[in-house]
Amino acid sequence: MGSDSIKLIRGQLGERIAELQSRIPALKPKDIAARMDAIRAMAAEHGMAALEGLADWSAHHAMMPGCRTATASSLEHMAAALESDSPADRQTILAVLAVRLH
């Protein structure tokens, strides 16, 4: 995938993340989960392991008690995951979330 292509994908994902972030207060947990899953699928399709992992974690936690806190925490790390080129960042970001939320 060329540099311009990945920039385009990152831009599209960034728009989805920003839109989700702006609408969080009005969304139901199942809607948050669905949007996170759409972000996950797009990230997976383009080999963006860190964003895929974070969005997957977020989609699952959106349906659990404390979902607002978990979603807010995951959104704080979306920019780093979006810009990541390293699959190792997936584990690092998820570890940071685990420590923060426990």
PDB file of N, CA and C in Angstrom:
ATOM      1  N   MET A   1       0.856  -1.169   0.000  1.00  0.00           N
ATOM      2  CA  MET A   1       0.000   0.000   0.000  1.00  0.00           C
ATOM      3  C   MET A   1       0.900   1.230   0.000  1.00  0.00           C
ATOM      4  N   GLY A   2       0.639   2.141  -0.905  1.00  0.00           N
ATOM      5  CA  GLY A   2       1.446   3.339  -1.017  1.00  0.00           C
ATOM      6  C   GLY A   2       1.223   4.302   0.123  1.00  0.00           C
ATOM      7  N   SER A   3       2.168   5.216   0.252  1.00  0.00           N
ATOM      8  CA  SER A   3       2.112   6.216   1.317  1.00  0.00           C
ATOM      9  C   SER A   3       0.848   7.076   1.225  1.00  0.00           C
ATOM     10  N   ASP A   4       0.482   7.448   0.001  1.00  0.00           N
ATOM     11  CA  ASP A   4      -0.722   8.257  -0.168  1.00  0.00           C
ATOM     12  C   ASP A   4      -1.977   7.482   0.211  1.00  0.00           C
ATOM     13  N   SER A   5      -1.991   6.186  -0.099  1.00  0.00           N
ATOM     14  CA  SER A   5      -3.153   5.353   0.230  1.00  0.00           C
ATOM     15  C   SER A   5      -3.355   5.251   1.730  1.00  0.00           C
ATOM     16  N   ILE A   6      -2.278   5.020   2.466  1.00  0.00           N
ATOM     17  CA  ILE A   6      -2.405   4.880   3.918  1.00  0.00           C
ATOM     18  C   ILE A   6      -2.784   6.214   4.551  1.00  0.00           C
ATOM     19  N   LYS A   7      -2.308   7.318   3.976  1.00  0.00           N
ATOM     20  CA  LYS A   7      -2.711   8.637   4.483  1.00  0.00           C
ATOM     21  C   LYS A   7      -4.211   8.837   4.294  1.00  0.00           C
ATOM     22  N   LEU A   8      -4.724   8.405   3.157  1.00  0.00           N
ATOM     23  CA  LEU A   8      -6.159   8.517   2.885  1.00  0.00           C
ATOM     24  C   LEU A   8      -6.965   7.678   3.881  1.00  0.00           C
ATOM     25  N   ILE A   9      -6.527   6.450   4.099  1.00  0.00           N
ATOM     26  CA  ILE A   9      -7.209   5.557   5.049  1.00  0.00           C
ATOM     27  C   ILE A   9      -7.155   6.143   6.449  1.00  0.00           C
ATOM     28  N   ARG A  10      -5.987   6.620   6.857  1.00  0.00           N
ATOM     29  CA  ARG A  10      -5.866   7.230   8.188  1.00  0.00           C
ATOM     30  C   ARG A  10      -6.773   8.444   8.319  1.00  0.00           C
ATOM     31  N   GLY A  11      -6.887   9.212   7.254  1.00  0.00           N
ATOM     32  CA  GLY A  11      -7.786  10.365   7.270  1.00  0.00           C
ATOM     33  C   GLY A  11      -9.236   9.953   7.445  1.00  0.00           C
ATOM     34  N   GLN A  12      -9.645   8.919   6.720  1.00  0.00           N
ATOM     35  CA  GLN A  12     -11.026   8.425   6.836  1.00  0.00           C
ATOM     36  C   GLN A  12     -11.289   7.873   8.230  1.00  0.00           C
ATOM     37  N   LEU A  13     -10.345   7.114   8.748  1.00  0.00           N
ATOM     38  CA  LEU A  13     -10.510   6.575  10.103  1.00  0.00           C
ATOM     39  C   LEU A  13     -10.514   7.695  11.129  1.00  0.00           C
ATOM     40  N   GLY A  14      -9.671   8.682  10.946  1.00  0.00           N
ATOM     41  CA  GLY A  14      -9.637   9.827  11.853  1.00  0.00           C
ATOM     42  C   GLY A  14     -10.971  10.556  11.887  1.00  0.00           C
ATOM     43  N   GLU A  15     -11.602  10.677  10.735  1.00  0.00           N
ATOM     44  CA  GLU A  15     -12.925  11.311  10.673  1.00  0.00           C
ATOM     45  C   GLU A  15     -13.959  10.477  11.424  1.00  0.00           C
ATOM     46  N   ARG A  16     -13.914   9.172  11.260  1.00  0.00           N
ATOM     47  CA  ARG A  16     -14.854   8.298  11.979  1.00  0.00           C
ATOM     48  C   ARG A  16     -14.648   8.401  13.488  1.00  0.00           C
ATOM     49  N   ILE A  17     -13.398   8.431  13.897  1.00  0.00           N
ATOM     50  CA  ILE A  17     -13.086   8.527  15.328  1.00  0.00           C
ATOM     51  C   ILE A  17     -13.559   9.869  15.885  1.00  0.00           C
ATOM     52  N   ALA A  18     -13.292  10.956  15.165  1.00  0.00           N
ATOM     53  CA  ALA A  18     -13.717  12.289  15.617  1.00  0.00           C
ATOM     54  C   ALA A  18     -15.236  12.379  15.702  1.00  0.00           C
ATOM     55  N   GLU A  19     -15.920  11.814  14.723  1.00  0.00           N
ATOM     56  CA  GLU A  19     -17.383  11.832  14.728  1.00  0.00           C
ATOM     57  C   GLU A  19     -17.927  11.026  15.913  1.00  0.00           C
ATOM     58  N   LEU A  20     -17.323   9.887  16.159  1.00  0.00           N
ATOM     59  CA  LEU A  20     -17.736   9.064  17.298  1.00  0.00           C
ATOM     60  C   LEU A  20     -17.504   9.815  18.598  1.00  0.00           C
ATOM     61  N   GLN A  21     -16.343  10.404  18.718  1.00  0.00           N
ATOM     62  CA  GLN A  21     -16.008  11.129  19.941  1.00  0.00           C
ATOM     63  C   GLN A  21     -16.994  12.275  20.196  1.00  0.00           C
ATOM     64  N   SER A  22     -17.398  12.960  19.159  1.00  0.00           N
ATOM     65  CA  SER A  22     -18.319  14.082  19.338  1.00  0.00           C
ATOM     66  C   SER A  22     -19.737  13.631  19.681  1.00  0.00           C
ATOM     67  N   ARG A  23     -20.082  12.408  19.326  1.00  0.00           N
ATOM     68  CA  ARG A  23     -21.440  11.926  19.550  1.00  0.00           C
ATOM     69  C   ARG A  23     -21.575  10.982  20.740  1.00  0.00           C
ATOM     70  N   ILE A  24     -20.496  10.665  21.415  1.00  0.00           N
ATOM     71  CA  ILE A  24     -20.524   9.705  22.525  1.00  0.00           C
ATOM     72  C   ILE A  24     -21.656   9.964  23.518  1.00  0.00           C
ATOM     73  N   PRO A  25     -21.858  11.185  23.990  1.00  0.00           N
ATOM     74  CA  PRO A  25     -22.908  11.380  24.997  1.00  0.00           C
ATOM     75  C   PRO A  25     -24.312  10.979  24.526  1.00  0.00           C
ATOM     76  N   ALA A  26     -24.557  11.066  23.237  1.00  0.00           N
ATOM     77  CA  ALA A  26     -25.896  10.778  22.713  1.00  0.00           C
ATOM     78  C   ALA A  26     -26.070   9.333  22.246  1.00  0.00           C
ATOM     79  N   LEU A  27     -24.988   8.582  22.185  1.00  0.00           N
ATOM     80  CA  LEU A  27     -25.067   7.216  21.647  1.00  0.00           C
ATOM     81  C   LEU A  27     -25.338   6.184  22.719  1.00  0.00           C
ATOM     82  N   LYS A  28     -26.093   5.170  22.343  1.00  0.00           N
ATOM     83  CA  LYS A  28     -26.319   4.018  23.208  1.00  0.00           C
ATOM     84  C   LYS A  28     -25.108   3.097  23.116  1.00  0.00           C
ATOM     85  N   PRO A  29     -24.871   2.296  24.151  1.00  0.00           N
ATOM     86  CA  PRO A  29     -23.726   1.384  24.113  1.00  0.00           C
ATOM     87  C   PRO A  29     -23.669   0.506  22.857  1.00  0.00           C
ATOM     88  N   LYS A  30     -24.815   0.010  22.396  1.00  0.00           N
ATOM     89  CA  LYS A  30     -24.786  -0.856  21.210  1.00  0.00           C
ATOM     90  C   LYS A  30     -24.368  -0.068  19.973  1.00  0.00           C
ATOM     91  N   ASP A  31     -24.690   1.224  19.908  1.00  0.00           N
ATOM     92  CA  ASP A  31     -24.271   2.063  18.788  1.00  0.00           C
ATOM     93  C   ASP A  31     -22.771   2.354  18.848  1.00  0.00           C
ATOM     94  N   ILE A  32     -22.267   2.573  20.048  1.00  0.00           N
ATOM     95  CA  ILE A  32     -20.829   2.772  20.227  1.00  0.00           C
ATOM     96  C   ILE A  32     -20.093   1.510  19.791  1.00  0.00           C
ATOM     97  N   ALA A  33     -20.581   0.355  20.226  1.00  0.00           N
ATOM     98  CA  ALA A  33     -19.954  -0.916  19.864  1.00  0.00           C
ATOM     99  C   ALA A  33     -19.957  -1.124  18.350  1.00  0.00           C
ATOM    100  N   ALA A  34     -21.059  -0.812  17.701  1.00  0.00           N
ATOM    101  CA  ALA A  34     -21.150  -0.983  16.248  1.00  0.00           C
ATOM    102  C   ALA A  34     -20.172  -0.059  15.524  1.00  0.00           C
ATOM    103  N   ARG A  35     -20.047   1.165  15.978  1.00  0.00           N
ATOM    104  CA  ARG A  35     -19.122   2.104  15.332  1.00  0.00           C
ATOM    105  C   ARG A  35     -17.672   1.696  15.563  1.00  0.00           C
ATOM    106  N   MET A  36     -17.391   1.234  16.767  1.00  0.00           N
ATOM    107  CA  MET A  36     -16.038   0.753  17.052  1.00  0.00           C
ATOM    108  C   MET A  36     -15.721  -0.479  16.200  1.00  0.00           C
ATOM    109  N   ASP A  37     -16.706  -1.335  16.025  1.00  0.00           N
ATOM    110  CA  ASP A  37     -16.476  -2.530  15.214  1.00  0.00           C
ATOM    111  C   ASP A  37     -16.230  -2.151  13.750  1.00  0.00           C
ATOM    112  N   ALA A  38     -16.896  -1.133  13.256  1.00  0.00           N
ATOM    113  CA  ALA A  38     -16.660  -0.667  11.882  1.00  0.00           C
ATOM    114  C   ALA A  38     -15.237  -0.111  11.744  1.00  0.00           C
ATOM    115  N   ILE A  39     -14.781   0.612  12.754  1.00  0.00           N
ATOM    116  CA  ILE A  39     -13.406   1.122  12.765  1.00  0.00           C
ATOM    117  C   ILE A  39     -12.441  -0.056  12.805  1.00  0.00           C
ATOM    118  N   ARG A  40     -12.731  -1.042  13.635  1.00  0.00           N
ATOM    119  CA  ARG A  40     -11.885  -2.230  13.738  1.00  0.00           C
ATOM    120  C   ARG A  40     -11.759  -2.933  12.398  1.00  0.00           C
ATOM    121  N   ALA A  41     -12.883  -3.118  11.729  1.00  0.00           N
ATOM    122  CA  ALA A  41     -12.878  -3.835  10.450  1.00  0.00           C
ATOM    123  C   ALA A  41     -12.041  -3.090   9.406  1.00  0.00           C
ATOM    124  N   MET A  42     -12.188  -1.791   9.349  1.00  0.00           N
ATOM    125  CA  MET A  42     -11.426  -1.005   8.376  1.00  0.00           C
ATOM    126  C   MET A  42      -9.932  -1.045   8.716  1.00  0.00           C
ATOM    127  N   ALA A  43      -9.599  -0.942   9.997  1.00  0.00           N
ATOM    128  CA  ALA A  43      -8.202  -1.005  10.419  1.00  0.00           C
ATOM    129  C   ALA A  43      -7.608  -2.381  10.092  1.00  0.00           C
ATOM    130  N   ALA A  44      -8.366  -3.436  10.337  1.00  0.00           N
ATOM    131  CA  ALA A  44      -7.890  -4.795  10.042  1.00  0.00           C
ATOM    132  C   ALA A  44      -7.646  -4.971   8.547  1.00  0.00           C
ATOM    133  N   GLU A  45      -8.540  -4.448   7.765  1.00  0.00           N
ATOM    134  CA  GLU A  45      -8.432  -4.560   6.308  1.00  0.00           C
ATOM    135  C   GLU A  45      -7.145  -3.914   5.785  1.00  0.00           C
ATOM    136  N   HIS A  46      -6.650  -2.909   6.494  1.00  0.00           N
ATOM    137  CA  HIS A  46      -5.477  -2.172   6.037  1.00  0.00           C
ATOM    138  C   HIS A  46      -4.239  -2.428   6.892  1.00  0.00           C
ATOM    139  N   GLY A  47      -4.280  -3.485   7.688  1.00  0.00           N
ATOM    140  CA  GLY A  47      -3.097  -3.899   8.441  1.00  0.00           C
ATOM    141  C   GLY A  47      -2.681  -2.969   9.553  1.00  0.00           C
ATOM    142  N   MET A  48      -3.634  -2.276  10.128  1.00  0.00           N
ATOM    143  CA  MET A  48      -3.347  -1.341  11.214  1.00  0.00           C
ATOM    144  C   MET A  48      -3.628  -2.036  12.546  1.00  0.00           C
ATOM    145  N   ALA A  49      -2.658  -2.833  12.975  1.00  0.00           N
ATOM    146  CA  ALA A  49      -2.853  -3.734  14.118  1.00  0.00           C
ATOM    147  C   ALA A  49      -3.178  -3.005  15.420  1.00  0.00           C
ATOM    148  N   ALA A  50      -2.503  -1.914  15.696  1.00  0.00           N
ATOM    149  CA  ALA A  50      -2.745  -1.206  16.960  1.00  0.00           C
ATOM    150  C   ALA A  50      -4.166  -0.655  17.011  1.00  0.00           C
ATOM    151  N   LEU A  51      -4.606  -0.041  15.931  1.00  0.00           N
ATOM    152  CA  LEU A  51      -5.967   0.505  15.899  1.00  0.00           C
ATOM    153  C   LEU A  51      -6.998  -0.613  15.900  1.00  0.00           C
ATOM    154  N   GLU A  52      -6.727  -1.668  15.181  1.00  0.00           N
ATOM    155  CA  GLU A  52      -7.646  -2.807  15.172  1.00  0.00           C
ATOM    156  C   GLU A  52      -7.845  -3.356  16.585  1.00  0.00           C
ATOM    157  N   GLY A  53      -6.755  -3.556  17.299  1.00  0.00           N
ATOM    158  CA  GLY A  53      -6.835  -4.089  18.659  1.00  0.00           C
ATOM    159  C   GLY A  53      -7.572  -3.169  19.609  1.00  0.00           C
ATOM    160  N   LEU A  54      -7.288  -1.887  19.515  1.00  0.00           N
ATOM    161  CA  LEU A  54      -7.937  -0.918  20.396  1.00  0.00           C
ATOM    162  C   LEU A  54      -9.432  -0.818  20.094  1.00  0.00           C
ATOM    163  N   ALA A  55      -9.776  -0.791  18.830  1.00  0.00           N
ATOM    164  CA  ALA A  55     -11.192  -0.708  18.459  1.00  0.00           C
ATOM    165  C   ALA A  55     -11.938  -1.984  18.855  1.00  0.00           C
ATOM    166  N   ASP A  56     -11.288  -3.132  18.722  1.00  0.00           N
ATOM    167  CA  ASP A  56     -11.900  -4.398  19.141  1.00  0.00           C
ATOM    168  C   ASP A  56     -12.156  -4.387  20.645  1.00  0.00           C
ATOM    169  N   TRP A  57     -11.159  -3.989  21.405  1.00  0.00           N
ATOM    170  CA  TRP A  57     -11.294  -3.894  22.858  1.00  0.00           C
ATOM    171  C   TRP A  57     -12.436  -2.932  23.206  1.00  0.00           C
ATOM    172  N   SER A  58     -12.476  -1.803  22.525  1.00  0.00           N
ATOM    173  CA  SER A  58     -13.493  -0.790  22.790  1.00  0.00           C
ATOM    174  C   SER A  58     -14.899  -1.279  22.459  1.00  0.00           C
ATOM    175  N   ALA A  59     -15.031  -1.988  21.354  1.00  0.00           N
ATOM    176  CA  ALA A  59     -16.345  -2.520  20.966  1.00  0.00           C
ATOM    177  C   ALA A  59     -16.871  -3.480  22.025  1.00  0.00           C
ATOM    178  N   HIS A  60     -16.009  -4.339  22.534  1.00  0.00           N
ATOM    179  CA  HIS A  60     -16.433  -5.287  23.568  1.00  0.00           C
ATOM    180  C   HIS A  60     -16.787  -4.577  24.875  1.00  0.00           C
ATOM    181  N   HIS A  61     -15.962  -3.625  25.261  1.00  0.00           N
ATOM    182  CA  HIS A  61     -16.184  -2.936  26.533  1.00  0.00           C
ATOM    183  C   HIS A  61     -17.336  -1.930  26.481  1.00  0.00           C
ATOM    184  N   ALA A  62     -17.762  -1.567  25.288  1.00  0.00           N
ATOM    185  CA  ALA A  62     -18.890  -0.643  25.157  1.00  0.00           C
ATOM    186  C   ALA A  62     -20.183  -1.271  25.668  1.00  0.00           C
ATOM    187  N   MET A  63     -20.222  -2.584  25.732  1.00  0.00           N
ATOM    188  CA  MET A  63     -21.432  -3.288  26.164  1.00  0.00           C
ATOM    189  C   MET A  63     -21.367  -3.732  27.629  1.00  0.00           C
ATOM    190  N   MET A  64     -20.334  -3.324  28.329  1.00  0.00           N
ATOM    191  CA  MET A  64     -20.148  -3.757  29.711  1.00  0.00           C
ATOM    192  C   MET A  64     -20.421  -2.612  30.687  1.00  0.00           C
ATOM    193  N   PRO A  65     -20.638  -2.940  31.959  1.00  0.00           N
ATOM    194  CA  PRO A  65     -20.772  -1.872  32.956  1.00  0.00           C
ATOM    195  C   PRO A  65     -19.516  -0.993  32.945  1.00  0.00           C
ATOM    196  N   GLY A  66     -19.700   0.284  33.109  1.00  0.00           N
ATOM    197  CA  GLY A  66     -18.580   1.213  33.076  1.00  0.00           C
ATOM    198  C   GLY A  66     -18.155   1.575  31.659  1.00  0.00           C
ATOM    199  N   CYS A  67     -19.058   1.354  30.711  1.00  0.00           N
ATOM    200  CA  CYS A  67     -18.711   1.554  29.305  1.00  0.00           C
ATOM    201  C   CYS A  67     -18.290   2.984  28.992  1.00  0.00           C
ATOM    202  N   ARG A  68     -18.883   3.949  29.631  1.00  0.00           N
ATOM    203  CA  ARG A  68     -18.531   5.351  29.342  1.00  0.00           C
ATOM    204  C   ARG A  68     -17.073   5.636  29.713  1.00  0.00           C
ATOM    205  N   THR A  69     -16.644   5.123  30.840  1.00  0.00           N
ATOM    206  CA  THR A  69     -15.259   5.315  31.266  1.00  0.00           C
ATOM    207  C   THR A  69     -14.308   4.574  30.341  1.00  0.00           C
ATOM    208  N   ALA A  70     -14.636   3.342  30.006  1.00  0.00           N
ATOM    209  CA  ALA A  70     -13.793   2.551  29.104  1.00  0.00           C
ATOM    210  C   ALA A  70     -13.705   3.192  27.724  1.00  0.00           C
ATOM    211  N   THR A  71     -14.819   3.675  27.221  1.00  0.00           N
ATOM    212  CA  THR A  71     -14.836   4.302  25.901  1.00  0.00           C
ATOM    213  C   THR A  71     -14.025   5.592  25.910  1.00  0.00           C
ATOM    214  N   ALA A  72     -14.194   6.401  26.932  1.00  0.00           N
ATOM    215  CA  ALA A  72     -13.427   7.645  27.026  1.00  0.00           C
ATOM    216  C   ALA A  72     -11.929   7.355  27.080  1.00  0.00           C
ATOM    217  N   SER A  73     -11.551   6.348  27.848  1.00  0.00           N
ATOM    218  CA  SER A  73     -10.137   5.980  27.948  1.00  0.00           C
ATOM    219  C   SER A  73      -9.593   5.476  26.620  1.00  0.00           C
ATOM    220  N   SER A  74     -10.364   4.670  25.937  1.00  0.00           N
ATOM    221  CA  SER A  74      -9.880   4.148  24.656  1.00  0.00           C
ATOM    222  C   SER A  74      -9.765   5.263  23.620  1.00  0.00           C
ATOM    223  N   LEU A  75     -10.694   6.197  23.625  1.00  0.00           N
ATOM    224  CA  LEU A  75     -10.634   7.307  22.672  1.00  0.00           C
ATOM    225  C   LEU A  75      -9.398   8.177  22.889  1.00  0.00           C
ATOM    226  N   GLU A  76      -8.918   8.242  24.129  1.00  0.00           N
ATOM    227  CA  GLU A  76      -7.709   9.007  24.414  1.00  0.00           C
ATOM    228  C   GLU A  76      -6.485   8.413  23.713  1.00  0.00           C
ATOM    229  N   HIS A  77      -6.550   7.136  23.369  1.00  0.00           N
ATOM    230  CA  HIS A  77      -5.410   6.458  22.750  1.00  0.00           C
ATOM    231  C   HIS A  77      -5.590   6.208  21.258  1.00  0.00           C
ATOM    232  N   MET A  78      -6.708   6.636  20.709  1.00  0.00           N
ATOM    233  CA  MET A  78      -6.989   6.379  19.294  1.00  0.00           C
ATOM    234  C   MET A  78      -5.978   7.057  18.372  1.00  0.00           C
ATOM    235  N   ALA A  79      -5.577   8.276  18.671  1.00  0.00           N
ATOM    236  CA  ALA A  79      -4.631   8.971  17.790  1.00  0.00           C
ATOM    237  C   ALA A  79      -3.312   8.215  17.706  1.00  0.00           C
ATOM    238  N   ALA A  80      -2.812   7.743  18.846  1.00  0.00           N
ATOM    239  CA  ALA A  80      -1.560   6.976  18.841  1.00  0.00           C
ATOM    240  C   ALA A  80      -1.729   5.685  18.057  1.00  0.00           C
ATOM    241  N   ALA A  81      -2.845   5.012  18.250  1.00  0.00           N
ATOM    242  CA  ALA A  81      -3.096   3.764  17.529  1.00  0.00           C
ATOM    243  C   ALA A  81      -3.251   4.021  16.034  1.00  0.00           C
ATOM    244  N   LEU A  82      -3.891   5.106  15.682  1.00  0.00           N
ATOM    245  CA  LEU A  82      -4.110   5.453  14.279  1.00  0.00           C
ATOM    246  C   LEU A  82      -2.791   5.710  13.562  1.00  0.00           C
ATOM    247  N   GLU A  83      -1.861   6.335  14.218  1.00  0.00           N
ATOM    248  CA  GLU A  83      -0.568   6.668  13.607  1.00  0.00           C
ATOM    249  C   GLU A  83       0.449   5.536  13.689  1.00  0.00           C
ATOM    250  N   SER A  84       0.166   4.501  14.435  1.00  0.00           N
ATOM    251  CA  SER A  84       1.118   3.419  14.641  1.00  0.00           C
ATOM    252  C   SER A  84       1.375   2.612  13.370  1.00  0.00           C
ATOM    253  N   ASP A  85       2.649   2.298  13.185  1.00  0.00           N
ATOM    254  CA  ASP A  85       3.047   1.397  12.112  1.00  0.00           C
ATOM    255  C   ASP A  85       3.574   0.088  12.673  1.00  0.00           C
ATOM    256  N   SER A  86       3.562  -0.058  13.983  1.00  0.00           N
ATOM    257  CA  SER A  86       4.142  -1.224  14.637  1.00  0.00           C
ATOM    258  C   SER A  86       3.072  -2.106  15.276  1.00  0.00           C
ATOM    259  N   PRO A  87       3.022  -3.377  14.883  1.00  0.00           N
ATOM    260  CA  PRO A  87       2.074  -4.290  15.542  1.00  0.00           C
ATOM    261  C   PRO A  87       2.309  -4.401  17.053  1.00  0.00           C
ATOM    262  N   ALA A  88       3.538  -4.177  17.504  1.00  0.00           N
ATOM    263  CA  ALA A  88       3.845  -4.242  18.935  1.00  0.00           C
ATOM    264  C   ALA A  88       3.108  -3.159  19.725  1.00  0.00           C
ATOM    265  N   ASP A  89       2.771  -2.067  19.066  1.00  0.00           N
ATOM    266  CA  ASP A  89       2.049  -0.989  19.751  1.00  0.00           C
ATOM    267  C   ASP A  89       0.672  -1.448  20.229  1.00  0.00           C
ATOM    268  N   ARG A  90       0.121  -2.434  19.568  1.00  0.00           N
ATOM    269  CA  ARG A  90      -1.195  -2.968  19.969  1.00  0.00           C
ATOM    270  C   ARG A  90      -1.164  -3.406  21.425  1.00  0.00           C
ATOM    271  N   GLN A  91      -0.182  -4.221  21.769  1.00  0.00           N
ATOM    272  CA  GLN A  91      -0.076  -4.725  23.144  1.00  0.00           C
ATOM    273  C   GLN A  91       0.241  -3.610  24.124  1.00  0.00           C
ATOM    274  N   THR A  92       1.072  -2.678  23.719  1.00  0.00           N
ATOM    275  CA  THR A  92       1.428  -1.568  24.600  1.00  0.00           C
ATOM    276  C   THR A  92       0.209  -0.721  24.942  1.00  0.00           C
ATOM    277  N   ILE A  93      -0.558  -0.371  23.935  1.00  0.00           N
ATOM    278  CA  ILE A  93      -1.749   0.462  24.154  1.00  0.00           C
ATOM    279  C   ILE A  93      -2.773  -0.271  25.009  1.00  0.00           C
ATOM    280  N   LEU A  94      -2.989  -1.552  24.738  1.00  0.00           N
ATOM    281  CA  LEU A  94      -3.950  -2.324  25.530  1.00  0.00           C
ATOM    282  C   LEU A  94      -3.473  -2.494  26.970  1.00  0.00           C
ATOM    283  N   ALA A  95      -2.171  -2.617  27.174  1.00  0.00           N
ATOM    284  CA  ALA A  95      -1.633  -2.721  28.536  1.00  0.00           C
ATOM    285  C   ALA A  95      -1.837  -1.416  29.304  1.00  0.00           C
ATOM    286  N   VAL A  96      -1.634  -0.301  28.636  1.00  0.00           N
ATOM    287  CA  VAL A  96      -1.856   1.001  29.275  1.00  0.00           C
ATOM    288  C   VAL A  96      -3.313   1.134  29.703  1.00  0.00           C
ATOM    289  N   LEU A  97      -4.233   0.721  28.835  1.00  0.00           N
ATOM    290  CA  LEU A  97      -5.659   0.776  29.187  1.00  0.00           C
ATOM    291  C   LEU A  97      -5.973  -0.133  30.382  1.00  0.00           C
ATOM    292  N   ALA A  98      -5.413  -1.311  30.372  1.00  0.00           N
ATOM    293  CA  ALA A  98      -5.679  -2.248  31.483  1.00  0.00           C
ATOM    294  C   ALA A  98      -5.222  -1.664  32.812  1.00  0.00           C
ATOM    295  N   VAL A  99      -4.047  -1.069  32.816  1.00  0.00           N
ATOM    296  CA  VAL A  99      -3.524  -0.465  34.046  1.00  0.00           C
ATOM    297  C   VAL A  99      -4.398   0.714  34.464  1.00  0.00           C
ATOM    298  N   ARG A 100      -4.771   1.528  33.521  1.00  0.00           N
ATOM    299  CA  ARG A 100      -5.572   2.719  33.820  1.00  0.00           C
ATOM    300  C   ARG A 100      -6.930   2.373  34.398  1.00  0.00           C
ATOM    301  N   LEU A 101      -7.552   1.328  33.889  1.00  0.00           N
ATOM    302  CA  LEU A 101      -8.929   1.017  34.278  1.00  0.00           C
ATOM    303  C   LEU A 101      -9.035   0.063  35.471  1.00  0.00           C
ATOM    304  N   HIS A 102      -7.914  -0.410  35.984  1.00  0.00           N
ATOM    305  CA  HIS A 102      -7.985  -1.322  37.135  1.00  0.00           C
ATOM    306  C   HIS A 102      -7.441  -0.722  38.370  1.00  0.00           C
TER     307      HIS A 102
END
